[in-house]
C-alpha atoms as a PDB file:
ATOM      1  CA  UNK A   1     106.763 100.767 122.283  1.00  0.00           C
ATOM      2  CA  UNK A   2     109.993 102.709 121.960  1.00  0.00           C
ATOM      3  CA  UNK A   3     112.048 102.838 125.171  1.00  0.00           C
ATOM      4  CA  UNK A   4     114.994 105.153 125.802  1.00  0.00           C
ATOM      5  CA  UNK A   5     117.000 105.127 129.041  1.00  0.00           C
ATOM      6  CA  UNK A   6     119.151 108.247 129.370  1.00  0.00           C
ATOM      7  CA  UNK A   7     121.713 109.448 131.915  1.00  0.00           C
ATOM      8  CA  UNK A   8     123.699 112.715 132.018  1.00  0.00           C
ATOM      9  CA  UNK A   9     126.548 110.769 130.384  1.00  0.00           C
ATOM     10  CA  UNK A  10     124.410 109.620 127.434  1.00  0.00           C
ATOM     11  CA  UNK A  11     122.008 106.976 126.158  1.00  0.00           C
ATOM     12  CA  UNK A  12     122.184 103.638 128.004  1.00  0.00           C
ATOM     13  CA  UNK A  13     119.473 101.780 126.083  1.00  0.00           C
ATOM     14  CA  UNK A  14     117.250 102.388 123.085  1.00  0.00           C
ATOM     15  CA  UNK A  15     114.921  99.778 121.641  1.00  0.00           C
ATOM     16  CA  UNK A  16     111.473  98.268 121.372  1.00  0.00           C
ATOM     17  CA  UNK A  17     109.683  96.926 124.464  1.00  0.00           C
ATOM     18  CA  UNK A  18     106.414  95.082 125.057  1.00  0.00           C
ATOM     19  CA  UNK A  19     106.359  95.792 128.809  1.00  0.00           C
ATOM     20  CA  UNK A  20     108.461  97.942 131.148  1.00  0.00           C
ATOM     21  CA  UNK A  21     108.388  97.668 134.956  1.00  0.00           C
ATOM     22  CA  UNK A  22     109.650 100.724 136.840  1.00  0.00           C
ATOM     23  CA  UNK A  23     110.402 101.571 140.508  1.00  0.00           C
ATOM     24  CA  UNK A  24     108.067 104.463 141.377  1.00  0.00           C
ATOM     25  CA  UNK A  25     108.324 106.390 144.620  1.00  0.00           C
ATOM     26  CA  UNK A  26     105.268 104.525 145.958  1.00  0.00           C
ATOM     27  CA  UNK A  27     106.163 101.119 144.524  1.00  0.00           C
ATOM     28  CA  UNK A  28     106.563  99.242 141.272  1.00  0.00           C
ATOM     29  CA  UNK A  29     104.380  99.977 138.254  1.00  0.00           C
ATOM     30  CA  UNK A  30     104.240  98.647 134.703  1.00  0.00           C
ATOM     31  CA  UNK A  31     103.860 100.324 131.312  1.00  0.00           C
ATOM     32  CA  UNK A  32     102.179  98.392 128.501  1.00  0.00           C
ATOM     33  CA  UNK A  33     101.354  99.300 124.889  1.00  0.00           C
ATOM     34  CA  UNK A  34      98.942 102.258 124.467  1.00  0.00           C
ATOM     35  CA  UNK A  35      99.425 103.442 128.072  1.00  0.00           C
ATOM     36  CA  UNK A  36      97.903 106.816 128.948  1.00  0.00           C
ATOM     37  CA  UNK A  37     100.317 109.780 128.979  1.00  0.00           C
ATOM     38  CA  UNK A  38     102.267 109.865 132.239  1.00  0.00           C
ATOM     39  CA  UNK A  39     105.081 111.666 134.029  1.00  0.00           C
ATOM     40  CA  UNK A  40     106.290 110.062 137.272  1.00  0.00           C
ATOM     41  CA  UNK A  41     109.224 110.250 139.682  1.00  0.00           C
ATOM     42  CA  UNK A  42     111.364 107.135 139.992  1.00  0.00           C
ATOM     43  CA  UNK A  43     113.081 105.711 143.053  1.00  0.00           C
ATOM     44  CA  UNK A  44     116.380 103.868 142.998  1.00  0.00           C
ATOM     45  CA  UNK A  45     115.723 100.312 141.836  1.00  0.00           C
ATOM     46  CA  UNK A  46     115.439  97.928 138.908  1.00  0.00           C
ATOM     47  CA  UNK A  47     113.898  98.649 135.513  1.00  0.00           C
ATOM     48  CA  UNK A  48     112.727  95.422 133.836  1.00  0.00           C
ATOM     49  CA  UNK A  49     112.315  95.485 130.060  1.00  0.00           C
ATOM     50  CA  UNK A  50     110.501  92.698 128.243  1.00  0.00           C
ATOM     51  CA  UNK A  51     110.407  92.381 124.474  1.00  0.00           C
ATOM     52  CA  UNK A  52     109.478  89.498 122.198  1.00  0.00           C
ATOM     53  CA  UNK A  53     113.015  88.113 122.065  1.00  0.00           C
ATOM     54  CA  UNK A  54     114.638  89.130 125.337  1.00  0.00           C
ATOM     55  CA  UNK A  55     114.395  90.387 128.901  1.00  0.00           C
ATOM     56  CA  UNK A  56     116.786  93.033 130.236  1.00  0.00           C
ATOM     57  CA  UNK A  57     117.239  94.671 133.625  1.00  0.00           C
ATOM     58  CA  UNK A  58     118.875  97.968 134.553  1.00  0.00           C
ATOM     59  CA  UNK A  59     119.721  99.127 138.093  1.00  0.00           C
ATOM     60  CA  UNK A  60     118.935 102.834 138.072  1.00  0.00           C
ATOM     61  CA  UNK A  61     119.386 105.684 140.496  1.00  0.00           C
ATOM     62  CA  UNK A  62     116.535 108.148 141.021  1.00  0.00           C
ATOM     63  CA  UNK A  63     114.964 109.880 138.041  1.00  0.00           C
ATOM     64  CA  UNK A  64     111.763 110.485 136.095  1.00  0.00           C
ATOM     65  CA  UNK A  65     109.814 108.724 133.363  1.00  0.00           C
ATOM     66  CA  UNK A  66     107.668 110.219 130.626  1.00  0.00           C
ATOM     67  CA  UNK A  67     105.196 108.140 128.594  1.00  0.00           C
ATOM     68  CA  UNK A  68     103.574 109.633 125.491  1.00  0.00           C
ATOM     69  CA  UNK A  69     102.321 108.049 122.249  1.00  0.00           C
ATOM     70  CA  UNK A  70     103.951 104.652 122.943  1.00  0.00           C
ATOM     71  CA  UNK A  71     107.325 106.286 123.622  1.00  0.00           C
ATOM     72  CA  UNK A  72     108.885 105.838 127.066  1.00  0.00           C
ATOM     73  CA  UNK A  73     111.731 108.115 128.146  1.00  0.00           C
ATOM     74  CA  UNK A  74     113.512 107.245 131.388  1.00  0.00           C
ATOM     75  CA  UNK A  75     115.793 110.015 132.622  1.00  0.00           C
ATOM     76  CA  UNK A  76     117.983 108.815 135.485  1.00  0.00           C
ATOM     77  CA  UNK A  77     120.995 110.094 137.421  1.00  0.00           C
ATOM     78  CA  UNK A  78     122.892 106.892 136.620  1.00  0.00           C
ATOM     79  CA  UNK A  79     122.814 103.201 135.845  1.00  0.00           C
ATOM     80  CA  UNK A  80     124.845 100.732 137.884  1.00  0.00           C
END
């Protein structure tokens, strides 16, 4: 899946991911390959990105996520 993490200042991360864990308003949830289309609000917390070769984490402020056709777009107010 293609993952992009964007802030008002610009793109923070762009790359392939096998799994992405996100902090939703009601708790953590995970996006895997071929996930159904989704738009959800995000709480402040940690985004965990897992790919074949690496694991990354990003501390985000509030925002939204859109999932469509194996493309994940995280729009957040900022990344710490």
